[in-house]
mmCIF file of all heavy atoms, coordinates in Angstrom:
data_MODEL
# 
_entry.id   MODEL 
# 
loop_
_atom_site.group_PDB 
_atom_site.id 
_atom_site.type_symbol 
_atom_site.label_atom_id 
_atom_site.label_alt_id 
_atom_site.label_comp_id 
_atom_site.label_asym_id 
_atom_site.label_entity_id 
_atom_site.label_seq_id 
_atom_site.pdbx_PDB_ins_code 
_atom_site.Cartn_x 
_atom_site.Cartn_y 
_atom_site.Cartn_z 
_atom_site.occupancy 
_atom_site.B_iso_or_equiv 
_atom_site.pdbx_formal_charge 
_atom_site.auth_seq_id 
_atom_site.auth_comp_id 
_atom_site.auth_asym_id 
_atom_site.auth_atom_id 
_atom_site.pdbx_PDB_model_num 
ATOM 1   N N   . LEU A 1 1  ? -12.700 7.903   9.841  1.00 0.00 ? 1  LEU A N   1 
ATOM 2   C CA  . LEU A 1 1  ? -11.260 7.682   9.894  1.00 0.00 ? 1  LEU A CA  1 
ATOM 3   C C   . LEU A 1 1  ? -10.570 8.493   8.805  1.00 0.00 ? 1  LEU A C   1 
ATOM 4   O O   . LEU A 1 1  ? -11.000 8.476   7.657  1.00 0.00 ? 1  LEU A O   1 
ATOM 5   C CB  . LEU A 1 1  ? -10.976 6.183   9.692  1.00 0.00 ? 1  LEU A CB  1 
ATOM 6   C CG  . LEU A 1 1  ? -9.564  5.708   9.849  1.00 0.00 ? 1  LEU A CG  1 
ATOM 7   C CD1 . LEU A 1 1  ? -9.109  5.886   11.286 1.00 0.00 ? 1  LEU A CD1 1 
ATOM 8   C CD2 . LEU A 1 1  ? -9.468  4.247   9.480  1.00 0.00 ? 1  LEU A CD2 1 
ATOM 9   N N   . LEU A 1 2  ? -9.548  9.239   9.139  1.00 0.00 ? 2  LEU A N   1 
ATOM 10  C CA  . LEU A 1 2  ? -8.694  10.000  8.215  1.00 0.00 ? 2  LEU A CA  1 
ATOM 11  C C   . LEU A 1 2  ? -9.354  11.230  7.604  1.00 0.00 ? 2  LEU A C   1 
ATOM 12  O O   . LEU A 1 2  ? -8.737  11.921  6.813  1.00 0.00 ? 2  LEU A O   1 
ATOM 13  C CB  . LEU A 1 2  ? -8.153  9.108   7.093  1.00 0.00 ? 2  LEU A CB  1 
ATOM 14  C CG  . LEU A 1 2  ? -7.310  7.918   7.538  1.00 0.00 ? 2  LEU A CG  1 
ATOM 15  C CD1 . LEU A 1 2  ? -6.901  7.098   6.333  1.00 0.00 ? 2  LEU A CD1 1 
ATOM 16  C CD2 . LEU A 1 2  ? -6.092  8.361   8.305  1.00 0.00 ? 2  LEU A CD2 1 
ATOM 17  N N   . GLY A 1 3  ? -10.589 11.507  7.895  1.00 0.00 ? 3  GLY A N   1 
ATOM 18  C CA  . GLY A 1 3  ? -11.206 12.772  7.514  1.00 0.00 ? 3  GLY A CA  1 
ATOM 19  C C   . GLY A 1 3  ? -11.790 12.897  6.120  1.00 0.00 ? 3  GLY A C   1 
ATOM 20  O O   . GLY A 1 3  ? -12.668 13.704  5.908  1.00 0.00 ? 3  GLY A O   1 
ATOM 21  N N   . SER A 1 4  ? -11.309 12.138  5.132  1.00 0.00 ? 4  SER A N   1 
ATOM 22  C CA  . SER A 1 4  ? -11.898 12.225  3.790  1.00 0.00 ? 4  SER A CA  1 
ATOM 23  C C   . SER A 1 4  ? -11.680 10.901  3.058  1.00 0.00 ? 4  SER A C   1 
ATOM 24  O O   . SER A 1 4  ? -10.781 10.129  3.380  1.00 0.00 ? 4  SER A O   1 
ATOM 25  C CB  . SER A 1 4  ? -11.280 13.366  2.988  1.00 0.00 ? 4  SER A CB  1 
ATOM 26  O OG  . SER A 1 4  ? -9.980  13.025  2.571  1.00 0.00 ? 4  SER A OG  1 
ATOM 27  N N   . TRP A 1 5  ? -12.525 10.684  2.056  1.00 0.00 ? 5  TRP A N   1 
ATOM 28  C CA  . TRP A 1 5  ? -12.398 9.452   1.275  1.00 0.00 ? 5  TRP A CA  1 
ATOM 29  C C   . TRP A 1 5  ? -11.088 9.444   0.501  1.00 0.00 ? 5  TRP A C   1 
ATOM 30  O O   . TRP A 1 5  ? -10.495 8.385   0.288  1.00 0.00 ? 5  TRP A O   1 
ATOM 31  C CB  . TRP A 1 5  ? -13.590 9.304   0.330  1.00 0.00 ? 5  TRP A CB  1 
ATOM 32  C CG  . TRP A 1 5  ? -14.821 8.909   1.076  1.00 0.00 ? 5  TRP A CG  1 
ATOM 33  C CD1 . TRP A 1 5  ? -15.912 9.678   1.304  1.00 0.00 ? 5  TRP A CD1 1 
ATOM 34  C CD2 . TRP A 1 5  ? -15.078 7.657   1.710  1.00 0.00 ? 5  TRP A CD2 1 
ATOM 35  N NE1 . TRP A 1 5  ? -16.824 8.979   2.047  1.00 0.00 ? 5  TRP A NE1 1 
ATOM 36  C CE2 . TRP A 1 5  ? -16.347 7.733   2.301  1.00 0.00 ? 5  TRP A CE2 1 
ATOM 37  C CE3 . TRP A 1 5  ? -14.356 6.477   1.844  1.00 0.00 ? 5  TRP A CE3 1 
ATOM 38  C CZ2 . TRP A 1 5  ? -16.900 6.680   3.009  1.00 0.00 ? 5  TRP A CZ2 1 
ATOM 39  C CZ3 . TRP A 1 5  ? -14.919 5.428   2.546  1.00 0.00 ? 5  TRP A CZ3 1 
ATOM 40  C CH2 . TRP A 1 5  ? -16.174 5.528   3.116  1.00 0.00 ? 5  TRP A CH2 1 
ATOM 41  N N   . ARG A 1 6  ? -10.614 10.599  0.078  1.00 0.00 ? 6  ARG A N   1 
ATOM 42  C CA  . ARG A 1 6  ? -9.348  10.670  -0.655 1.00 0.00 ? 6  ARG A CA  1 
ATOM 43  C C   . ARG A 1 6  ? -8.211  10.107  0.193  1.00 0.00 ? 6  ARG A C   1 
ATOM 44  O O   . ARG A 1 6  ? -7.375  9.338   -0.303 1.00 0.00 ? 6  ARG A O   1 
ATOM 45  C CB  . ARG A 1 6  ? -9.066  12.122  -1.040 1.00 0.00 ? 6  ARG A CB  1 
ATOM 46  C CG  . ARG A 1 6  ? -7.779  12.301  -1.797 1.00 0.00 ? 6  ARG A CG  1 
ATOM 47  C CD  . ARG A 1 6  ? -7.560  13.782  -2.149 1.00 0.00 ? 6  ARG A CD  1 
ATOM 48  N NE  . ARG A 1 6  ? -6.330  13.972  -2.849 1.00 0.00 ? 6  ARG A NE  1 
ATOM 49  C CZ  . ARG A 1 6  ? -5.150  14.219  -2.251 1.00 0.00 ? 6  ARG A CZ  1 
ATOM 50  N NH1 . ARG A 1 6  ? -5.086  14.308  -0.949 1.00 0.00 ? 6  ARG A NH1 1 
ATOM 51  N NH2 . ARG A 1 6  ? -4.061  14.373  -2.948 1.00 0.00 ? 6  ARG A NH2 1 
ATOM 52  N N   . ASN A 1 7  ? -8.172  10.463  1.471  1.00 0.00 ? 7  ASN A N   1 
ATOM 53  C CA  . ASN A 1 7  ? -7.115  9.968   2.354  1.00 0.00 ? 7  ASN A CA  1 
ATOM 54  C C   . ASN A 1 7  ? -7.212  8.456   2.544  1.00 0.00 ? 7  ASN A C   1 
ATOM 55  O O   . ASN A 1 7  ? -6.196  7.766   2.595  1.00 0.00 ? 7  ASN A O   1 
ATOM 56  C CB  . ASN A 1 7  ? -7.179  10.670  3.705  1.00 0.00 ? 7  ASN A CB  1 
ATOM 57  C CG  . ASN A 1 7  ? -6.821  12.133  3.606  1.00 0.00 ? 7  ASN A CG  1 
ATOM 58  O OD1 . ASN A 1 7  ? -6.207  12.564  2.637  1.00 0.00 ? 7  ASN A OD1 1 
ATOM 59  N ND2 . ASN A 1 7  ? -7.217  12.900  4.595  1.00 0.00 ? 7  ASN A ND2 1 
ATOM 60  N N   . ILE A 1 8  ? -8.416  7.943   2.635  1.00 0.00 ? 8  ILE A N   1 
ATOM 61  C CA  . ILE A 1 8  ? -8.589  6.491   2.778  1.00 0.00 ? 8  ILE A CA  1 
ATOM 62  C C   . ILE A 1 8  ? -8.082  5.779   1.529  1.00 0.00 ? 8  ILE A C   1 
ATOM 63  O O   . ILE A 1 8  ? -7.377  4.767   1.608  1.00 0.00 ? 8  ILE A O   1 
ATOM 64  C CB  . ILE A 1 8  ? -10.058 6.148   3.070  1.00 0.00 ? 8  ILE A CB  1 
ATOM 65  C CG1 . ILE A 1 8  ? -10.427 6.664   4.461  1.00 0.00 ? 8  ILE A CG1 1 
ATOM 66  C CG2 . ILE A 1 8  ? -10.306 4.651   2.965  1.00 0.00 ? 8  ILE A CG2 1 
ATOM 67  C CD1 . ILE A 1 8  ? -11.866 6.515   4.818  1.00 0.00 ? 8  ILE A CD1 1 
ATOM 68  N N   . TYR A 1 9  ? -8.433  6.313   0.340  1.00 0.00 ? 9  TYR A N   1 
ATOM 69  C CA  . TYR A 1 9  ? -7.966  5.702   -0.901 1.00 0.00 ? 9  TYR A CA  1 
ATOM 70  C C   . TYR A 1 9  ? -6.444  5.742   -1.008 1.00 0.00 ? 9  TYR A C   1 
ATOM 71  O O   . TYR A 1 9  ? -5.824  4.788   -1.487 1.00 0.00 ? 9  TYR A O   1 
ATOM 72  C CB  . TYR A 1 9  ? -8.585  6.400   -2.117 1.00 0.00 ? 9  TYR A CB  1 
ATOM 73  C CG  . TYR A 1 9  ? -10.065 6.198   -2.258 1.00 0.00 ? 9  TYR A CG  1 
ATOM 74  C CD1 . TYR A 1 9  ? -10.878 7.221   -2.711 1.00 0.00 ? 9  TYR A CD1 1 
ATOM 75  C CD2 . TYR A 1 9  ? -10.671 4.994   -1.935 1.00 0.00 ? 9  TYR A CD2 1 
ATOM 76  C CE1 . TYR A 1 9  ? -12.246 7.043   -2.847 1.00 0.00 ? 9  TYR A CE1 1 
ATOM 77  C CE2 . TYR A 1 9  ? -12.032 4.806   -2.058 1.00 0.00 ? 9  TYR A CE2 1 
ATOM 78  C CZ  . TYR A 1 9  ? -12.810 5.835   -2.518 1.00 0.00 ? 9  TYR A CZ  1 
ATOM 79  O OH  . TYR A 1 9  ? -14.152 5.658   -2.654 1.00 0.00 ? 9  TYR A OH  1 
ATOM 80  N N   . LEU A 1 10 ? -5.826  6.833   -0.563 1.00 0.00 ? 10 LEU A N   1 
ATOM 81  C CA  . LEU A 1 10 ? -4.368  6.928   -0.602 1.00 0.00 ? 10 LEU A CA  1 
ATOM 82  C C   . LEU A 1 10 ? -3.719  5.904   0.333  1.00 0.00 ? 10 LEU A C   1 
ATOM 83  O O   . LEU A 1 10 ? -2.690  5.309   -0.019 1.00 0.00 ? 10 LEU A O   1 
ATOM 84  C CB  . LEU A 1 10 ? -3.915  8.341   -0.246 1.00 0.00 ? 10 LEU A CB  1 
ATOM 85  C CG  . LEU A 1 10 ? -4.185  9.406   -1.306 1.00 0.00 ? 10 LEU A CG  1 
ATOM 86  C CD1 . LEU A 1 10 ? -3.820  10.785  -0.780 1.00 0.00 ? 10 LEU A CD1 1 
ATOM 87  C CD2 . LEU A 1 10 ? -3.430  9.094   -2.578 1.00 0.00 ? 10 LEU A CD2 1 
ATOM 88  N N   . VAL A 1 11 ? -4.288  5.679   1.493  1.00 0.00 ? 11 VAL A N   1 
ATOM 89  C CA  . VAL A 1 11 ? -3.745  4.674   2.419  1.00 0.00 ? 11 VAL A CA  1 
ATOM 90  C C   . VAL A 1 11 ? -3.874  3.278   1.810  1.00 0.00 ? 11 VAL A C   1 
ATOM 91  O O   . VAL A 1 11 ? -2.934  2.475   1.858  1.00 0.00 ? 11 VAL A O   1 
ATOM 92  C CB  . VAL A 1 11 ? -4.447  4.753   3.791  1.00 0.00 ? 11 VAL A CB  1 
ATOM 93  C CG1 . VAL A 1 11 ? -4.138  3.538   4.643  1.00 0.00 ? 11 VAL A CG1 1 
ATOM 94  C CG2 . VAL A 1 11 ? -4.052  6.028   4.511  1.00 0.00 ? 11 VAL A CG2 1 
ATOM 95  N N   . VAL A 1 12 ? -5.015  2.987   1.213  1.00 0.00 ? 12 VAL A N   1 
ATOM 96  C CA  . VAL A 1 12 ? -5.207  1.670   0.588  1.00 0.00 ? 12 VAL A CA  1 
ATOM 97  C C   . VAL A 1 12 ? -4.228  1.479   -0.566 1.00 0.00 ? 12 VAL A C   1 
ATOM 98  O O   . VAL A 1 12 ? -3.594  0.421   -0.687 1.00 0.00 ? 12 VAL A O   1 
ATOM 99  C CB  . VAL A 1 12 ? -6.671  1.508   0.112  1.00 0.00 ? 12 VAL A CB  1 
ATOM 100 C CG1 . VAL A 1 12 ? -6.834  0.271   -0.754 1.00 0.00 ? 12 VAL A CG1 1 
ATOM 101 C CG2 . VAL A 1 12 ? -7.606  1.448   1.306  1.00 0.00 ? 12 VAL A CG2 1 
ATOM 102 N N   . LEU A 1 13 ? -4.069  2.487   -1.404 1.00 0.00 ? 13 LEU A N   1 
ATOM 103 C CA  . LEU A 1 13 ? -3.130  2.394   -2.525 1.00 0.00 ? 13 LEU A CA  1 
ATOM 104 C C   . LEU A 1 13 ? -1.693  2.253   -2.032 1.00 0.00 ? 13 LEU A C   1 
ATOM 105 O O   . LEU A 1 13 ? -0.923  1.442   -2.555 1.00 0.00 ? 13 LEU A O   1 
ATOM 106 C CB  . LEU A 1 13 ? -3.264  3.621   -3.428 1.00 0.00 ? 13 LEU A CB  1 
ATOM 107 C CG  . LEU A 1 13 ? -2.390  3.629   -4.670 1.00 0.00 ? 13 LEU A CG  1 
ATOM 108 C CD1 . LEU A 1 13 ? -2.756  2.477   -5.584 1.00 0.00 ? 13 LEU A CD1 1 
ATOM 109 C CD2 . LEU A 1 13 ? -2.535  4.959   -5.390 1.00 0.00 ? 13 LEU A CD2 1 
ATOM 110 N N   . GLY A 1 14 ? -1.323  3.021   -1.020 1.00 0.00 ? 14 GLY A N   1 
ATOM 111 C CA  . GLY A 1 14 ? 0.023   2.920   -0.463 1.00 0.00 ? 14 GLY A CA  1 
ATOM 112 C C   . GLY A 1 14 ? 0.295   1.552   0.136  1.00 0.00 ? 14 GLY A C   1 
ATOM 113 O O   . GLY A 1 14 ? 1.391   0.999   -0.012 1.00 0.00 ? 14 GLY A O   1 
ATOM 114 N N   . THR A 1 15 ? -0.697  0.995   0.820  1.00 0.00 ? 15 THR A N   1 
ATOM 115 C CA  . THR A 1 15 ? -0.547  -0.345  1.390  1.00 0.00 ? 15 THR A CA  1 
ATOM 116 C C   . THR A 1 15 ? -0.367  -1.389  0.287  1.00 0.00 ? 15 THR A C   1 
ATOM 117 O O   . THR A 1 15 ? 0.469   -2.286  0.396  1.00 0.00 ? 15 THR A O   1 
ATOM 118 C CB  . THR A 1 15 ? -1.775  -0.693  2.250  1.00 0.00 ? 15 THR A CB  1 
ATOM 119 O OG1 . THR A 1 15 ? -1.924  0.305   3.251  1.00 0.00 ? 15 THR A OG1 1 
ATOM 120 C CG2 . THR A 1 15 ? -1.623  -2.049  2.905  1.00 0.00 ? 15 THR A CG2 1 
ATOM 121 N N   . PHE A 1 16 ? -1.127  -1.244  -0.787 1.00 0.00 ? 16 PHE A N   1 
ATOM 122 C CA  . PHE A 1 16 ? -0.995  -2.162  -1.912 1.00 0.00 ? 16 PHE A CA  1 
ATOM 123 C C   . PHE A 1 16 ? 0.410   -2.100  -2.510 1.00 0.00 ? 16 PHE A C   1 
ATOM 124 O O   . PHE A 1 16 ? 1.048   -3.129  -2.749 1.00 0.00 ? 16 PHE A O   1 
ATOM 125 C CB  . PHE A 1 16 ? -2.046  -1.836  -2.977 1.00 0.00 ? 16 PHE A CB  1 
ATOM 126 C CG  . PHE A 1 16 ? -1.860  -2.598  -4.255 1.00 0.00 ? 16 PHE A CG  1 
ATOM 127 C CD1 . PHE A 1 16 ? -2.131  -3.946  -4.318 1.00 0.00 ? 16 PHE A CD1 1 
ATOM 128 C CD2 . PHE A 1 16 ? -1.404  -1.957  -5.400 1.00 0.00 ? 16 PHE A CD2 1 
ATOM 129 C CE1 . PHE A 1 16 ? -1.942  -4.653  -5.498 1.00 0.00 ? 16 PHE A CE1 1 
ATOM 130 C CE2 . PHE A 1 16 ? -1.218  -2.649  -6.564 1.00 0.00 ? 16 PHE A CE2 1 
ATOM 131 C CZ  . PHE A 1 16 ? -1.482  -4.005  -6.618 1.00 0.00 ? 16 PHE A CZ  1 
ATOM 132 N N   . VAL A 1 17 ? 0.910   -0.890  -2.734 1.00 0.00 ? 17 VAL A N   1 
ATOM 133 C CA  . VAL A 1 17 ? 2.263   -0.720  -3.293 1.00 0.00 ? 17 VAL A CA  1 
ATOM 134 C C   . VAL A 1 17 ? 3.303   -1.312  -2.345 1.00 0.00 ? 17 VAL A C   1 
ATOM 135 O O   . VAL A 1 17 ? 4.249   -1.977  -2.776 1.00 0.00 ? 17 VAL A O   1 
ATOM 136 C CB  . VAL A 1 17 ? 2.538   0.772   -3.591 1.00 0.00 ? 17 VAL A CB  1 
ATOM 137 C CG1 . VAL A 1 17 ? 4.002   1.007   -3.915 1.00 0.00 ? 17 VAL A CG1 1 
ATOM 138 C CG2 . VAL A 1 17 ? 1.647   1.261   -4.712 1.00 0.00 ? 17 VAL A CG2 1 
ATOM 139 N N   . LEU A 1 18 ? 3.135   -1.102  -1.049 1.00 0.00 ? 18 LEU A N   1 
ATOM 140 C CA  . LEU A 1 18 ? 4.055   -1.655  -0.064 1.00 0.00 ? 18 LEU A CA  1 
ATOM 141 C C   . LEU A 1 18 ? 4.068   -3.183  -0.114 1.00 0.00 ? 18 LEU A C   1 
ATOM 142 O O   . LEU A 1 18 ? 5.131   -3.811  -0.094 1.00 0.00 ? 18 LEU A O   1 
ATOM 143 C CB  . LEU A 1 18 ? 3.673   -1.168  1.334  1.00 0.00 ? 18 LEU A CB  1 
ATOM 144 C CG  . LEU A 1 18 ? 4.556   -1.635  2.476  1.00 0.00 ? 18 LEU A CG  1 
ATOM 145 C CD1 . LEU A 1 18 ? 5.946   -1.022  2.369  1.00 0.00 ? 18 LEU A CD1 1 
ATOM 146 C CD2 . LEU A 1 18 ? 3.918   -1.269  3.804  1.00 0.00 ? 18 LEU A CD2 1 
ATOM 147 N N   . PHE A 1 19 ? 2.902   -3.797  -0.188 1.00 0.00 ? 19 PHE A N   1 
ATOM 148 C CA  . PHE A 1 19 ? 2.831   -5.262  -0.262 1.00 0.00 ? 19 PHE A CA  1 
ATOM 149 C C   . PHE A 1 19 ? 3.456   -5.790  -1.552 1.00 0.00 ? 19 PHE A C   1 
ATOM 150 O O   . PHE A 1 19 ? 4.162   -6.796  -1.534 1.00 0.00 ? 19 PHE A O   1 
ATOM 151 C CB  . PHE A 1 19 ? 1.388   -5.756  -0.161 1.00 0.00 ? 19 PHE A CB  1 
ATOM 152 C CG  . PHE A 1 19 ? 0.880   -5.850  1.250  1.00 0.00 ? 19 PHE A CG  1 
ATOM 153 C CD1 . PHE A 1 19 ? -0.374  -5.360  1.573  1.00 0.00 ? 19 PHE A CD1 1 
ATOM 154 C CD2 . PHE A 1 19 ? 1.635   -6.425  2.256  1.00 0.00 ? 19 PHE A CD2 1 
ATOM 155 C CE1 . PHE A 1 19 ? -0.856  -5.440  2.862  1.00 0.00 ? 19 PHE A CE1 1 
ATOM 156 C CE2 . PHE A 1 19 ? 1.164   -6.521  3.548  1.00 0.00 ? 19 PHE A CE2 1 
ATOM 157 C CZ  . PHE A 1 19 ? -0.088  -6.025  3.853  1.00 0.00 ? 19 PHE A CZ  1 
ATOM 158 N N   . VAL A 1 20 ? 3.206   -5.127  -2.660 1.00 0.00 ? 20 VAL A N   1 
ATOM 159 C CA  . VAL A 1 20 ? 3.807   -5.569  -3.925 1.00 0.00 ? 20 VAL A CA  1 
ATOM 160 C C   . VAL A 1 20 ? 5.323   -5.498  -3.830 1.00 0.00 ? 20 VAL A C   1 
ATOM 161 O O   . VAL A 1 20 ? 6.027   -6.437  -4.220 1.00 0.00 ? 20 VAL A O   1 
ATOM 162 C CB  . VAL A 1 20 ? 3.268   -4.734  -5.105 1.00 0.00 ? 20 VAL A CB  1 
ATOM 163 C CG1 . VAL A 1 20 ? 4.085   -4.984  -6.368 1.00 0.00 ? 20 VAL A CG1 1 
ATOM 164 C CG2 . VAL A 1 20 ? 1.809   -5.044  -5.356 1.00 0.00 ? 20 VAL A CG2 1 
ATOM 165 N N   . ALA A 1 21 ? 5.853   -4.403  -3.288 1.00 0.00 ? 21 ALA A N   1 
ATOM 166 C CA  . ALA A 1 21 ? 7.302   -4.269  -3.146 1.00 0.00 ? 21 ALA A CA  1 
ATOM 167 C C   . ALA A 1 21 ? 7.864   -5.321  -2.188 1.00 0.00 ? 21 ALA A C   1 
ATOM 168 O O   . ALA A 1 21 ? 8.920   -5.909  -2.455 1.00 0.00 ? 21 ALA A O   1 
ATOM 169 C CB  . ALA A 1 21 ? 7.646   -2.862  -2.658 1.00 0.00 ? 21 ALA A CB  1 
ATOM 170 N N   . LEU A 1 22 ? 7.174   -5.569  -1.094 1.00 0.00 ? 22 LEU A N   1 
ATOM 171 C CA  . LEU A 1 22 ? 7.630   -6.567  -0.127 1.00 0.00 ? 22 LEU A CA  1 
ATOM 172 C C   . LEU A 1 22 ? 7.647   -7.968  -0.742 1.00 0.00 ? 22 LEU A C   1 
ATOM 173 O O   . LEU A 1 22 ? 8.628   -8.698  -0.619 1.00 0.00 ? 22 LEU A O   1 
ATOM 174 C CB  . LEU A 1 22 ? 6.723   -6.552  1.102  1.00 0.00 ? 22 LEU A CB  1 
ATOM 175 C CG  . LEU A 1 22 ? 6.996   -7.624  2.152  1.00 0.00 ? 22 LEU A CG  1 
ATOM 176 C CD1 . LEU A 1 22 ? 8.345   -7.392  2.824  1.00 0.00 ? 22 LEU A CD1 1 
ATOM 177 C CD2 . LEU A 1 22 ? 5.879   -7.645  3.177  1.00 0.00 ? 22 LEU A CD2 1 
ATOM 178 N N   . PHE A 1 23 ? 6.571   -8.333  -1.438 1.00 0.00 ? 23 PHE A N   1 
ATOM 179 C CA  . PHE A 1 23 ? 6.520   -9.671  -2.041 1.00 0.00 ? 23 PHE A CA  1 
ATOM 180 C C   . PHE A 1 23 ? 7.530   -9.802  -3.178 1.00 0.00 ? 23 PHE A C   1 
ATOM 181 O O   . PHE A 1 23 ? 8.107   -10.874 -3.377 1.00 0.00 ? 23 PHE A O   1 
ATOM 182 C CB  . PHE A 1 23 ? 5.102   -9.989  -2.531 1.00 0.00 ? 23 PHE A CB  1 
ATOM 183 C CG  . PHE A 1 23 ? 4.108   -10.132 -1.411 1.00 0.00 ? 23 PHE A CG  1 
ATOM 184 C CD1 . PHE A 1 23 ? 2.814   -9.713  -1.551 1.00 0.00 ? 23 PHE A CD1 1 
ATOM 185 C CD2 . PHE A 1 23 ? 4.476   -10.686 -0.189 1.00 0.00 ? 23 PHE A CD2 1 
ATOM 186 C CE1 . PHE A 1 23 ? 1.890   -9.853  -0.538 1.00 0.00 ? 23 PHE A CE1 1 
ATOM 187 C CE2 . PHE A 1 23 ? 3.565   -10.824 0.846  1.00 0.00 ? 23 PHE A CE2 1 
ATOM 188 C CZ  . PHE A 1 23 ? 2.272   -10.410 0.678  1.00 0.00 ? 23 PHE A CZ  1 
ATOM 189 N N   . TRP A 1 24 ? 7.773   -8.734  -3.928 1.00 0.00 ? 24 TRP A N   1 
ATOM 190 C CA  . TRP A 1 24 ? 8.801   -8.783  -4.970 1.00 0.00 ? 24 TRP A CA  1 
ATOM 191 C C   . TRP A 1 24 ? 10.175  -8.988  -4.344 1.00 0.00 ? 24 TRP A C   1 
ATOM 192 O O   . TRP A 1 24 ? 10.965  -9.811  -4.823 1.00 0.00 ? 24 TRP A O   1 
ATOM 193 C CB  . TRP A 1 24 ? 8.767   -7.481  -5.781 1.00 0.00 ? 24 TRP A CB  1 
ATOM 194 C CG  . TRP A 1 24 ? 9.908   -7.416  -6.755 1.00 0.00 ? 24 TRP A CG  1 
ATOM 195 C CD1 . TRP A 1 24 ? 9.967   -7.998  -7.984 1.00 0.00 ? 24 TRP A CD1 1 
ATOM 196 C CD2 . TRP A 1 24 ? 11.147  -6.727  -6.551 1.00 0.00 ? 24 TRP A CD2 1 
ATOM 197 N NE1 . TRP A 1 24 ? 11.179  -7.723  -8.560 1.00 0.00 ? 24 TRP A NE1 1 
ATOM 198 C CE2 . TRP A 1 24 ? 11.928  -6.943  -7.704 1.00 0.00 ? 24 TRP A CE2 1 
ATOM 199 C CE3 . TRP A 1 24 ? 11.669  -5.952  -5.524 1.00 0.00 ? 24 TRP A CE3 1 
ATOM 200 C CZ2 . TRP A 1 24 ? 13.193  -6.406  -7.846 1.00 0.00 ? 24 TRP A CZ2 1 
ATOM 201 C CZ3 . TRP A 1 24 ? 12.933  -5.426  -5.677 1.00 0.00 ? 24 TRP A CZ3 1 
ATOM 202 C CH2 . TRP A 1 24 ? 13.680  -5.654  -6.822 1.00 0.00 ? 24 TRP A CH2 1 
ATOM 203 N N   . ALA A 1 25 ? 10.468  -8.268  -3.252 1.00 0.00 ? 25 ALA A N   1 
ATOM 204 C CA  . ALA A 1 25 ? 11.762  -8.406  -2.595 1.00 0.00 ? 25 ALA A CA  1 
ATOM 205 C C   . ALA A 1 25 ? 11.942  -9.821  -2.021 1.00 0.00 ? 25 ALA A C   1 
ATOM 206 O O   . ALA A 1 25 ? 13.030  -10.395 -2.126 1.00 0.00 ? 25 ALA A O   1 
ATOM 207 C CB  . ALA A 1 25 ? 11.903  -7.363  -1.488 1.00 0.00 ? 25 ALA A CB  1 
ATOM 208 N N   . LEU A 1 26 ? 10.897  -10.367 -1.442 1.00 0.00 ? 26 LEU A N   1 
ATOM 209 C CA  . LEU A 1 26 ? 10.983  -11.737 -0.923 1.00 0.00 ? 26 LEU A CA  1 
ATOM 210 C C   . LEU A 1 26 ? 11.199  -12.747 -2.053 1.00 0.00 ? 26 LEU A C   1 
ATOM 211 O O   . LEU A 1 26 ? 11.972  -13.702 -1.907 1.00 0.00 ? 26 LEU A O   1 
ATOM 212 C CB  . LEU A 1 26 ? 9.739   -12.086 -0.126 1.00 0.00 ? 26 LEU A CB  1 
ATOM 213 C CG  . LEU A 1 26 ? 9.605   -11.402 1.227  1.00 0.00 ? 26 LEU A CG  1 
ATOM 214 C CD1 . LEU A 1 26 ? 8.227   -11.663 1.818  1.00 0.00 ? 26 LEU A CD1 1 
ATOM 215 C CD2 . LEU A 1 26 ? 10.695  -11.864 2.175  1.00 0.00 ? 26 LEU A CD2 1 
ATOM 216 N N   . THR A 1 27 ? 10.528  -12.544 -3.156 1.00 0.00 ? 27 THR A N   1 
ATOM 217 C CA  . THR A 1 27 ? 10.701  -13.427 -4.294 1.00 0.00 ? 27 THR A CA  1 
ATOM 218 C C   . THR A 1 27 ? 12.129  -13.366 -4.827 1.00 0.00 ? 27 THR A C   1 
ATOM 219 O O   . THR A 1 27 ? 12.740  -14.396 -5.136 1.00 0.00 ? 27 THR A O   1 
ATOM 220 C CB  . THR A 1 27 ? 9.706   -13.053 -5.427 1.00 0.00 ? 27 THR A CB  1 
ATOM 221 O OG1 . THR A 1 27 ? 8.382   -13.157 -4.922 1.00 0.00 ? 27 THR A OG1 1 
ATOM 222 C CG2 . THR A 1 27 ? 9.861   -13.964 -6.628 1.00 0.00 ? 27 THR A CG2 1 
ATOM 223 N N   . GLU A 1 28 ? 12.679  -12.162 -4.931 1.00 0.00 ? 28 GLU A N   1 
ATOM 224 C CA  . GLU A 1 28 ? 14.054  -12.006 -5.403 1.00 0.00 ? 28 GLU A CA  1 
ATOM 225 C C   . GLU A 1 28 ? 15.049  -12.609 -4.414 1.00 0.00 ? 28 GLU A C   1 
ATOM 226 O O   . GLU A 1 28 ? 16.039  -13.217 -4.812 1.00 0.00 ? 28 GLU A O   1 
ATOM 227 C CB  . GLU A 1 28 ? 14.371  -10.537 -5.615 1.00 0.00 ? 28 GLU A CB  1 
ATOM 228 C CG  . GLU A 1 28 ? 13.662  -9.915  -6.796 1.00 0.00 ? 28 GLU A CG  1 
ATOM 229 C CD  . GLU A 1 28 ? 14.084  -10.509 -8.120 1.00 0.00 ? 28 GLU A CD  1 
ATOM 230 O OE1 . GLU A 1 28 ? 15.293  -10.707 -8.325 1.00 0.00 ? 28 GLU A OE1 1 
ATOM 231 O OE2 . GLU A 1 28 ? 13.198  -10.797 -8.938 1.00 0.00 ? 28 GLU A OE2 1 
ATOM 232 N N   . ALA A 1 29 ? 14.802  -12.486 -3.134 1.00 0.00 ? 29 ALA A N   1 
ATOM 233 C CA  . ALA A 1 29 ? 15.734  -12.970 -2.117 1.00 0.00 ? 29 ALA A CA  1 
ATOM 234 C C   . ALA A 1 29 ? 15.769  -14.494 -2.043 1.00 0.00 ? 29 ALA A C   1 
ATOM 235 O O   . ALA A 1 29 ? 16.815  -15.079 -1.779 1.00 0.00 ? 29 ALA A O   1 
ATOM 236 C CB  . ALA A 1 29 ? 15.377  -12.396 -0.749 1.00 0.00 ? 29 ALA A CB  1 
# 
């Protein structure tokens, strides 16, 4: 999937950042 381990790590990191931002926004709201 995604052709290289670097791409997989970037997707995992991006998903983590997205979840942190989403949960922060929900907490603030």
